[in-house]
């Protein structure tokens, strides 16, 4: 089951949390940033792997 959340309610809740628990929100944002970097790096590695698999014969011919 998927719950549909109102973005304005989430925004208000996050703002309230940031006022009440600024250190928690700061740490959370840092953690999310690190997760995004990891996800982007993983996707880049997948793209490179796909490209190498797709052009494997060409690379072998050039070698």
C-alpha atoms as a PDB file:
ATOM      1  CA  UNK A   1       0.000   0.000   0.000  1.00  0.00           C
ATOM      2  CA  UNK A   2       1.334   3.406  -0.981  1.00  0.00           C
ATOM      3  CA  UNK A   3       0.501   6.438   1.126  1.00  0.00           C
ATOM      4  CA  UNK A   4       0.134   9.728  -0.700  1.00  0.00           C
ATOM      5  CA  UNK A   5       1.674  12.503   1.339  1.00  0.00           C
ATOM      6  CA  UNK A   6       0.944  16.164   0.887  1.00  0.00           C
ATOM      7  CA  UNK A   7       4.224  17.930   0.148  1.00  0.00           C
ATOM      8  CA  UNK A   8       3.146  21.066   1.990  1.00  0.00           C
ATOM      9  CA  UNK A   9       2.479  19.000   5.135  1.00  0.00           C
ATOM     10  CA  UNK A  10       5.893  17.351   4.835  1.00  0.00           C
ATOM     11  CA  UNK A  11       7.542  20.732   4.303  1.00  0.00           C
ATOM     12  CA  UNK A  12       5.855  22.179   7.402  1.00  0.00           C
ATOM     13  CA  UNK A  13       6.820  19.154   9.480  1.00  0.00           C
ATOM     14  CA  UNK A  14      10.442  19.379   8.315  1.00  0.00           C
ATOM     15  CA  UNK A  15      10.595  23.090   9.093  1.00  0.00           C
ATOM     16  CA  UNK A  16       9.168  22.456  12.563  1.00  0.00           C
ATOM     17  CA  UNK A  17      11.690  19.663  13.104  1.00  0.00           C
ATOM     18  CA  UNK A  18      14.538  21.912  11.936  1.00  0.00           C
ATOM     19  CA  UNK A  19      13.546  24.529  14.514  1.00  0.00           C
ATOM     20  CA  UNK A  20      13.136  21.997  17.327  1.00  0.00           C
ATOM     21  CA  UNK A  21      16.052  19.677  16.471  1.00  0.00           C
ATOM     22  CA  UNK A  22      18.566  21.572  14.286  1.00  0.00           C
ATOM     23  CA  UNK A  23      21.442  19.169  14.965  1.00  0.00           C
ATOM     24  CA  UNK A  24      19.351  16.170  13.986  1.00  0.00           C
ATOM     25  CA  UNK A  25      18.260  17.805  10.729  1.00  0.00           C
ATOM     26  CA  UNK A  26      21.830  18.841   9.933  1.00  0.00           C
ATOM     27  CA  UNK A  27      23.100  15.302  10.480  1.00  0.00           C
ATOM     28  CA  UNK A  28      20.220  13.908   8.433  1.00  0.00           C
ATOM     29  CA  UNK A  29      21.008  16.207   5.498  1.00  0.00           C
ATOM     30  CA  UNK A  30      24.668  15.200   5.603  1.00  0.00           C
ATOM     31  CA  UNK A  31      23.681  11.535   5.602  1.00  0.00           C
ATOM     32  CA  UNK A  32      21.290  12.051   2.680  1.00  0.00           C
ATOM     33  CA  UNK A  33      24.034  13.880   0.771  1.00  0.00           C
ATOM     34  CA  UNK A  34      26.410  10.974   1.286  1.00  0.00           C
ATOM     35  CA  UNK A  35      23.739   8.496   0.152  1.00  0.00           C
ATOM     36  CA  UNK A  36      23.140  10.550  -2.999  1.00  0.00           C
ATOM     37  CA  UNK A  37      26.878  10.583  -3.804  1.00  0.00           C
ATOM     38  CA  UNK A  38      27.009   6.805  -3.416  1.00  0.00           C
ATOM     39  CA  UNK A  39      23.933   6.321  -5.592  1.00  0.00           C
ATOM     40  CA  UNK A  40      25.315   8.602  -8.321  1.00  0.00           C
ATOM     41  CA  UNK A  41      28.666   6.814  -8.256  1.00  0.00           C
ATOM     42  CA  UNK A  42      26.958   3.428  -8.481  1.00  0.00           C
ATOM     43  CA  UNK A  43      24.859   4.554 -11.449  1.00  0.00           C
ATOM     44  CA  UNK A  44      27.941   5.906 -13.228  1.00  0.00           C
ATOM     45  CA  UNK A  45      29.717   2.590 -12.706  1.00  0.00           C
ATOM     46  CA  UNK A  46      26.672   0.772 -14.138  1.00  0.00           C
ATOM     47  CA  UNK A  47      26.680   3.009 -17.224  1.00  0.00           C
ATOM     48  CA  UNK A  48      30.398   2.415 -17.814  1.00  0.00           C
ATOM     49  CA  UNK A  49      29.926  -1.338 -17.385  1.00  0.00           C
ATOM     50  CA  UNK A  50      27.011  -1.330 -19.843  1.00  0.00           C
ATOM     51  CA  UNK A  51      29.078   0.638 -22.372  1.00  0.00           C
ATOM     52  CA  UNK A  52      32.024  -1.731 -22.077  1.00  0.00           C
ATOM     53  CA  UNK A  53      29.731  -4.721 -22.525  1.00  0.00           C
ATOM     54  CA  UNK A  54      28.038  -3.110 -25.534  1.00  0.00           C
ATOM     55  CA  UNK A  55      31.303  -2.186 -27.275  1.00  0.00           C
ATOM     56  CA  UNK A  56      33.386  -5.150 -26.101  1.00  0.00           C
ATOM     57  CA  UNK A  57      34.056  -6.410 -29.634  1.00  0.00           C
ATOM     58  CA  UNK A  58      35.123  -2.967 -30.805  1.00  0.00           C
ATOM     59  CA  UNK A  59      37.530  -2.604 -27.882  1.00  0.00           C
ATOM     60  CA  UNK A  60      38.994  -6.039 -28.576  1.00  0.00           C
ATOM     61  CA  UNK A  61      39.457  -5.179 -32.252  1.00  0.00           C
ATOM     62  CA  UNK A  62      41.273  -1.971 -31.313  1.00  0.00           C
ATOM     63  CA  UNK A  63      43.566  -3.746 -28.860  1.00  0.00           C
END
